[in-house]
Amino acid sequence: APHAVHKRLLKMRAEGRIPGVPFDEGDLSILFREAMPASAGYVAEQVAKKAVASRLVDFGLKVQQAGM
């Protein structure tokens, strides 16, 4: 499962949907290994938070580069 998620994140980055991959495959493996099946929502929430934070950082950098 971590490998499939990582591949999906790489695809999203290639499509320009996210500025970077928030977790590498090792981080995802740790999350999946430590998570219990009942906590799948927790893992999804952590991935979503990291992705949103990454997008905000990218937006901030673009604003700085534009001189706004």
Protein backbone atom coordinates (compact mmCIF):
# COMPACT_ATOMS: atom_id res chain seq x y z
CA ALA A 1 0.00 0.00 0.00
CA PRO A 2 2.72 2.59 0.78
CA HIS A 3 4.29 1.99 -2.64
CA ALA A 4 0.95 2.55 -4.40
CA VAL A 5 0.32 5.76 -2.44
CA HIS A 6 3.83 7.00 -3.22
CA LYS A 7 3.34 6.28 -6.94
CA ARG A 8 0.05 8.21 -6.83
CA LEU A 9 1.71 11.19 -5.14
CA LEU A 10 4.48 11.17 -7.77
CA LYS A 11 1.83 11.12 -10.51
CA MET A 12 -0.02 14.03 -8.88
CA ARG A 13 3.25 16.00 -8.75
CA ALA A 14 3.98 15.24 -12.42
CA GLU A 15 0.49 16.48 -13.31
CA GLY A 16 1.16 19.71 -11.40
CA ARG A 17 -1.58 19.03 -8.86
CA ILE A 18 0.84 19.25 -5.91
CA PRO A 19 4.18 21.12 -5.78
CA GLY A 20 6.05 18.28 -4.14
CA VAL A 21 5.65 14.82 -2.70
CA PRO A 22 4.90 15.37 1.01
CA PHE A 23 6.13 11.93 2.12
CA ASP A 24 8.78 9.68 0.68
CA GLU A 25 8.12 5.95 0.44
CA GLY A 26 9.94 5.27 3.73
CA ASP A 27 7.76 7.77 5.62
CA LEU A 28 4.64 6.20 4.14
CA SER A 29 5.83 2.73 5.15
CA ILE A 30 6.30 3.91 8.74
CA LEU A 31 2.82 5.46 8.79
CA PHE A 32 1.19 2.33 7.41
CA ARG A 33 3.16 0.02 9.71
CA GLU A 34 2.31 2.02 12.83
CA ALA A 35 -1.30 2.63 11.87
CA MET A 36 -3.98 0.15 12.73
CA PRO A 37 -6.61 -0.63 10.08
CA ALA A 38 -9.15 1.31 12.14
CA SER A 39 -6.98 4.40 11.92
CA ALA A 40 -6.95 4.66 8.12
CA GLY A 41 -8.80 7.96 8.48
CA TYR A 42 -6.00 9.27 10.69
CA VAL A 43 -3.35 8.34 8.12
CA ALA A 44 -5.37 9.94 5.33
CA GLU A 45 -5.77 13.09 7.42
CA GLN A 46 -2.02 13.29 8.05
CA VAL A 47 -1.26 12.91 4.34
CA ALA A 48 -3.88 15.54 3.46
CA LYS A 49 -2.51 18.01 6.04
CA LYS A 50 1.02 17.57 4.75
CA ALA A 51 -0.13 18.03 1.14
CA VAL A 52 -2.06 21.21 2.01
CA ALA A 53 0.92 22.59 3.95
CA SER A 54 3.17 21.86 0.98
CA ARG A 55 0.80 23.72 -1.34
CA LEU A 56 0.68 26.71 1.01
CA VAL A 57 4.47 26.87 1.16
CA ASP A 58 4.64 26.71 -2.63
CA PHE A 59 2.06 29.49 -2.91
CA GLY A 60 4.00 31.65 -0.45
CA LEU A 61 7.19 31.17 -2.44
CA LYS A 62 5.41 32.14 -5.65
CA VAL A 63 4.03 35.29 -3.99
CA GLN A 64 7.51 36.22 -2.74
CA GLN A 65 9.00 35.67 -6.19
CA ALA A 66 6.31 37.83 -7.75
CA GLY A 67 7.20 40.61 -5.30
CA MET A 68 3.74 40.95 -3.84
